[in-house]
Amino acid sequence: MTVLSRVISLYALPIFIVGVSLFFFVLTLTYPVLKTTDLLEVRGNLDSYYVHGHTNPKTIVVLMDGQKFWPTVLNKSTASNVLREHGVEVRTYIDPDSTNVPIDGAVKSYGLWVNGRSVESLEAALSRERLFVRVGFPVVAVFCLAAAVFIYRVSKAKFSSQTR
């Protein structure tokens, strides 16, 4: 095995993975978690909806006034049950200051009511996102850290046995 591959597997790869882990830890502390006061209500009548994407499909809801959004609570099967009728009243909330790139012109939304009936409350949607940021990111960070230690130890054992 060459010196370069030894340096990569013993040092460069574990250091890179530790860097990814640190990125997720920092993201946990700095990623803004929305509050209900940060959001803007969107209300209108349903024009149509469609599913966009294959690997991570989003249900895009289109209102009659042209506004588009994608609520995380809807997927392909639930959308057909919830959004059955053209023209029903739909209400949700969006982040007007979002820096996320819209998906096919649609922005991410939180909470969903159809004809006054709650599909998902605003509090539940924000709580799920908060859990993802405050628990999910640290879990990924710890996993990356463990992977870096594992790769380093396996590589060290491998190279020390080759030098004997």
Protein backbone atom coordinates (compact mmCIF):
# COMPACT_ATOMS: atom_id res chain seq x y z
CA MET A 1 0.00 0.00 0.00
CA THR A 2 1.33 3.43 -0.88
CA VAL A 3 2.20 6.16 1.54
CA LEU A 4 -0.57 8.34 0.09
CA SER A 5 -3.30 5.76 0.72
CA ARG A 6 -1.93 5.24 4.23
CA VAL A 7 -2.07 8.99 4.97
CA ILE A 8 -5.58 9.25 3.53
CA SER A 9 -7.08 6.33 5.45
CA LEU A 10 -5.20 7.00 8.70
CA TYR A 11 -5.47 10.78 8.87
CA ALA A 12 -7.23 12.64 6.04
CA LEU A 13 -10.47 10.64 5.98
CA PRO A 14 -10.99 10.59 9.78
CA ILE A 15 -10.17 14.31 10.02
CA PHE A 16 -12.61 15.07 7.22
CA ILE A 17 -15.36 13.06 8.94
CA VAL A 18 -14.63 14.82 12.26
CA GLY A 19 -15.07 18.09 10.34
CA VAL A 20 -18.47 16.92 9.09
CA SER A 21 -19.37 16.01 12.65
CA LEU A 22 -18.37 19.46 13.89
CA PHE A 23 -20.43 21.01 11.09
CA PHE A 24 -23.55 19.19 12.34
CA PHE A 25 -22.83 20.20 15.96
CA VAL A 26 -22.48 23.85 14.92
CA LEU A 27 -25.61 23.57 12.78
CA THR A 28 -27.50 22.30 15.83
CA LEU A 29 -26.58 25.43 17.75
CA THR A 30 -26.99 27.97 14.96
CA TYR A 31 -29.86 26.71 12.77
CA PRO A 32 -32.82 29.01 13.41
CA VAL A 33 -35.87 27.24 14.78
CA LEU A 34 -39.02 29.06 13.72
CA LYS A 35 -41.65 30.40 16.08
CA THR A 36 -45.29 30.96 15.20
CA THR A 37 -44.69 34.72 15.24
CA ASP A 38 -42.11 34.34 12.42
CA LEU A 39 -44.66 32.91 10.00
CA LEU A 40 -47.13 34.40 7.55
CA GLU A 41 -50.57 32.89 6.96
CA VAL A 42 -51.43 31.76 3.43
CA ARG A 43 -55.10 31.19 2.69
CA GLY A 44 -56.92 30.47 -0.53
CA ASN A 45 -58.90 28.02 -2.58
CA LEU A 46 -57.35 24.87 -4.01
CA ASP A 47 -56.70 24.91 -7.73
CA SER A 48 -54.65 21.71 -7.97
CA TYR A 49 -51.81 19.70 -6.50
CA TYR A 50 -49.10 17.46 -7.90
CA VAL A 51 -46.12 15.45 -6.72
CA HIS A 52 -42.70 16.80 -7.64
CA GLY A 53 -39.51 14.71 -7.51
CA HIS A 54 -38.71 11.02 -7.36
CA THR A 55 -36.12 10.43 -4.64
CA ASN A 56 -37.63 12.88 -2.14
CA PRO A 57 -41.08 13.70 -3.54
CA LYS A 58 -42.94 16.78 -2.35
CA THR A 59 -46.65 17.41 -2.79
CA ILE A 60 -46.98 20.87 -4.33
CA VAL A 61 -50.28 22.60 -3.57
CA VAL A 62 -51.41 25.31 -6.00
CA LEU A 63 -54.03 27.85 -4.95
CA MET A 64 -56.35 29.62 -7.40
CA ASP A 65 -54.44 32.88 -6.93
CA GLY A 66 -51.25 31.11 -8.10
CA GLN A 67 -49.52 30.68 -4.74
CA LYS A 68 -47.63 27.39 -4.37
CA PHE A 69 -46.43 25.65 -1.24
CA TRP A 70 -45.45 22.18 -0.06
CA PRO A 71 -46.61 21.04 3.36
CA THR A 72 -44.45 18.32 4.89
CA VAL A 73 -47.52 16.53 6.23
CA LEU A 74 -48.74 15.54 2.74
CA ASN A 75 -47.38 12.72 0.65
CA LYS A 76 -48.71 11.17 -2.55
CA SER A 77 -51.28 8.93 -0.84
CA THR A 78 -52.48 11.37 1.84
CA ALA A 79 -52.82 14.23 -0.64
CA SER A 80 -55.47 12.39 -2.65
CA ASN A 81 -57.53 11.89 0.53
CA VAL A 82 -57.11 15.42 1.91
CA LEU A 83 -57.27 17.47 -1.29
CA ARG A 84 -60.16 15.69 -3.01
CA GLU A 85 -62.21 18.66 -4.12
CA HIS A 86 -61.22 21.52 -6.39
CA GLY A 87 -61.94 24.88 -4.74
CA VAL A 88 -61.79 23.82 -1.09
CA GLU A 89 -60.40 26.40 1.33
CA VAL A 90 -56.79 25.73 2.27
CA ARG A 91 -54.78 27.46 5.00
CA THR A 92 -51.13 27.09 5.96
CA TYR A 93 -48.17 29.18 7.15
CA ILE A 94 -44.90 30.04 5.43
CA ASP A 95 -41.65 31.69 6.48
CA PRO A 96 -41.53 34.98 4.53
CA ASP A 97 -37.81 35.32 5.29
CA SER A 98 -36.88 31.79 4.21
CA THR A 99 -33.58 31.45 2.40
CA ASN A 100 -34.47 27.99 1.10
CA VAL A 101 -34.71 27.66 -2.66
CA PRO A 102 -38.32 27.06 -3.70
CA ILE A 103 -39.12 23.64 -5.16
CA ASP A 104 -40.76 24.16 -8.56
CA GLY A 105 -41.81 27.64 -7.38
CA ALA A 106 -43.31 26.32 -4.14
CA VAL A 107 -42.17 27.24 -0.64
CA LYS A 108 -42.14 25.00 2.42
CA SER A 109 -45.19 25.45 4.62
CA TYR A 110 -46.09 24.60 8.20
CA GLY A 111 -49.44 23.34 9.43
CA LEU A 112 -52.37 22.62 7.13
CA TRP A 113 -56.12 23.14 7.34
CA VAL A 114 -58.56 22.11 4.62
CA ASN A 115 -62.12 23.47 4.84
CA GLY A 116 -61.40 24.50 8.43
CA ARG A 117 -60.34 21.00 9.49
CA SER A 118 -56.84 20.55 10.81
CA VAL A 119 -54.66 18.10 8.89
CA GLU A 120 -51.64 19.13 10.96
CA SER A 121 -51.46 21.92 13.51
CA LEU A 122 -48.86 24.64 13.23
CA GLU A 123 -47.47 23.67 16.63
CA ALA A 124 -47.04 20.03 15.57
CA ALA A 125 -45.22 21.02 12.36
CA LEU A 126 -42.86 23.36 14.20
CA SER A 127 -42.30 20.80 16.94
CA ARG A 128 -41.32 18.15 14.39
CA GLU A 129 -38.85 20.52 12.75
CA ARG A 130 -37.41 21.52 16.13
CA LEU A 131 -36.95 17.85 17.02
CA PHE A 132 -35.19 17.23 13.70
CA VAL A 133 -32.78 20.11 14.27
CA ARG A 134 -32.15 19.70 18.00
CA VAL A 135 -32.01 15.88 18.08
CA GLY A 136 -31.44 14.70 14.51
CA PHE A 137 -28.40 16.85 13.78
CA PRO A 138 -26.58 15.83 17.00
CA VAL A 139 -27.31 12.15 16.28
CA VAL A 140 -25.74 12.51 12.83
CA ALA A 141 -22.78 14.33 14.41
CA VAL A 142 -22.18 11.57 16.97
CA PHE A 143 -22.51 8.91 14.26
CA CYS A 144 -19.91 10.72 12.13
CA LEU A 145 -17.59 11.01 15.12
CA ALA A 146 -17.92 7.29 15.85
CA ALA A 147 -17.29 6.48 12.18
CA ALA A 148 -14.12 8.61 12.19
CA VAL A 149 -12.79 6.82 15.30
CA PHE A 150 -13.68 3.43 13.82
CA ILE A 151 -11.97 4.19 10.49
CA TYR A 152 -8.87 5.46 12.26
CA ARG A 153 -8.61 2.43 14.56
CA VAL A 154 -9.18 -0.09 11.75
CA SER A 155 -6.64 1.67 9.52
CA LYS A 156 -4.11 1.88 12.34
CA ALA A 157 -4.48 -1.82 13.13
CA LYS A 158 -4.21 -2.70 9.45
CA PHE A 159 -1.04 -0.67 8.90
CA SER A 160 0.62 -1.76 12.14
CA SER A 161 0.13 -5.42 11.19
CA GLN A 162 1.67 -4.75 7.74
CA THR A 163 4.81 -3.23 9.20
CA ARG A 164 5.62 -6.27 11.34
